[in-house]
Every structure is written in structure tokens, then in C-alpha cells.
Amino acid sequence: MGMQTDVKVSQPLGASNTFKDQAGNALGRCRIKAIYGTSGAAAGTVVIYDGSNSSGTCLMTVSTPTAANQGTFWILMPGEGVLATTGLYAALTNVDSVMVIYG
């Protein structure tokens, strides 16, 4: 059987824009399995970087719906997920909250 890891959920993204575990520690190397978030009043984006700031490699840009149209978004990653080698940082535009499910 292939690779299996425990799956965990980050805290909602805070003011530092660095994803953290439930104990408040910055995430290190991990695989994003899914993303869950709540939209703002207008359509927006979630840009996720590998590292502790926006100078890291961009892993993905997610376009989000407006809160009036959907309110929440949920995206599952295929296969083993998206690998972040050093950590996860996100830049949000018109997004109220976002969490990652990771392993």
C-alpha cells in the first residue's frame, strides 16, 4: 500500500498569514490534502506559498466565490496532496477565513 499519514486540520489563518497547527506552532513540511474557507462579500483569492512569507514558491492560487453566491469553499487535492517543503503562508483577498487539512 502507498504512503499514508495522519490527517490534521490547521487553525483558521490568523493575522500572521502563516498556517499553524492546533497548538499554535507554524506548520513545517506537510502535504495539503484539502482547503476549507469562508468567502468575503466579493469574489477573491487564496494564494498559498511554500515558506514563511510570499517570497516562497507559489504552490497554488484558489479563486473563491462571493459570500452571496456560496459562502464557503471546499477543495480536495488529488493523490497524495500538494507538498510544502518548509511551511505554509497564504495571502488572502476578499476571504474571511481559510484552513488547510494536511498530513
Protein backbone atom coordinates (compact mmCIF):
# COMPACT_ATOMS: atom_id res chain seq x y z
CA MET A 1 0.00 0.00 0.00
CA GLY A 2 1.17 3.57 -0.73
CA MET A 3 2.04 6.39 1.59
CA GLN A 4 -0.37 7.02 4.47
CA THR A 5 -0.11 9.81 7.05
CA ASP A 6 -2.27 11.11 9.86
CA VAL A 7 -4.54 13.90 8.66
CA LYS A 8 -4.76 17.09 10.71
CA VAL A 9 -6.51 20.44 10.46
CA SER A 10 -4.81 23.82 10.83
CA GLN A 11 -6.15 26.69 12.87
CA PRO A 12 -8.05 29.28 10.82
CA LEU A 13 -5.44 31.51 9.19
CA GLY A 14 -4.52 34.38 11.52
CA ALA A 15 -3.08 37.84 11.09
CA SER A 16 0.44 36.46 10.52
CA ASN A 17 -0.73 34.67 7.34
CA THR A 18 1.25 31.61 8.44
CA PHE A 19 -0.73 28.40 8.87
CA LYS A 20 -0.44 26.91 12.36
CA ASP A 21 -1.32 23.61 14.00
CA GLN A 22 -3.90 23.37 16.79
CA ALA A 23 -1.20 24.13 19.39
CA GLY A 24 -0.26 27.40 17.63
CA ASN A 25 3.01 26.20 16.07
CA ALA A 26 3.82 27.19 12.48
CA LEU A 27 3.42 24.26 10.10
CA GLY A 28 6.62 22.84 8.66
CA ARG A 29 6.90 20.29 5.87
CA CYS A 30 3.46 18.91 5.09
CA ARG A 31 1.11 17.84 2.30
CA ILE A 32 -2.06 19.84 1.76
CA LYS A 33 -4.93 17.36 1.44
CA ALA A 34 -7.79 19.89 1.24
CA ILE A 35 -8.67 23.55 1.77
CA TYR A 36 -11.77 24.89 3.50
CA GLY A 37 -12.70 28.55 3.74
CA THR A 38 -15.38 31.18 4.00
CA SER A 39 -15.73 33.80 1.32
CA GLY A 40 -15.88 37.55 1.67
CA ALA A 41 -18.54 39.80 0.16
CA ALA A 42 -16.79 39.80 -3.22
CA ALA A 43 -15.06 37.05 -5.20
CA GLY A 44 -11.49 36.62 -4.01
CA THR A 45 -8.33 34.53 -3.98
CA VAL A 46 -6.20 32.44 -1.66
CA VAL A 47 -2.56 32.31 -2.77
CA ILE A 48 -0.57 29.65 -0.89
CA TYR A 49 3.23 29.76 -0.73
CA ASP A 50 5.82 27.23 0.41
CA GLY A 51 7.62 29.01 3.24
CA SER A 52 7.01 31.69 5.85
CA ASN A 53 6.27 34.63 3.52
CA SER A 54 5.23 35.50 -0.02
CA SER A 55 8.80 35.22 -1.35
CA GLY A 56 8.49 31.41 -1.21
CA THR A 57 7.43 29.28 -4.16
CA CYS A 58 3.76 29.77 -5.05
CA LEU A 59 2.06 26.39 -4.65
CA MET A 60 -1.42 27.39 -5.79
CA THR A 61 -3.89 30.19 -6.35
CA VAL A 62 -7.51 29.42 -5.49
CA SER A 63 -10.32 31.63 -6.81
CA THR A 64 -13.20 31.88 -4.34
CA PRO A 65 -16.92 32.57 -4.81
CA THR A 66 -18.71 35.54 -3.28
CA ALA A 67 -20.40 35.03 0.08
CA ALA A 68 -23.69 35.98 -1.60
CA ASN A 69 -23.30 33.08 -4.05
CA GLN A 70 -21.94 30.33 -1.78
CA GLY A 71 -20.32 31.49 1.43
CA THR A 72 -17.91 28.55 1.79
CA PHE A 73 -15.48 26.70 -0.43
CA TRP A 74 -14.00 23.21 -0.08
CA ILE A 75 -11.27 21.88 -2.38
CA LEU A 76 -9.87 18.34 -2.22
CA MET A 77 -6.35 17.76 -3.57
CA PRO A 78 -5.80 14.67 -5.73
CA GLY A 79 -3.35 11.88 -4.96
CA GLU A 80 -1.03 12.47 -2.03
CA GLY A 81 -1.78 16.19 -1.91
CA VAL A 82 0.41 19.23 -2.54
CA LEU A 83 3.83 19.14 -0.87
CA ALA A 84 5.11 22.17 1.06
CA THR A 85 8.73 21.53 1.99
CA THR A 86 9.28 24.34 4.52
CA GLY A 87 5.89 25.67 5.70
CA LEU A 88 2.66 27.29 4.53
CA TYR A 89 1.98 31.00 4.09
CA ALA A 90 -1.10 32.50 2.42
CA ALA A 91 -2.12 35.84 1.01
CA LEU A 92 -5.90 36.37 1.13
CA THR A 93 -8.04 38.73 -0.92
CA ASN A 94 -11.76 39.00 -0.04
CA VAL A 95 -11.64 35.82 2.04
CA ASP A 96 -12.85 35.81 5.65
CA SER A 97 -11.21 32.56 6.83
CA VAL A 98 -9.27 29.59 5.50
CA MET A 99 -7.92 26.34 6.98
CA VAL A 100 -5.89 23.53 5.43
CA ILE A 101 -6.33 19.84 6.02
CA TYR A 102 -2.82 18.39 5.89
CA GLY A 103 -0.76 15.30 6.53
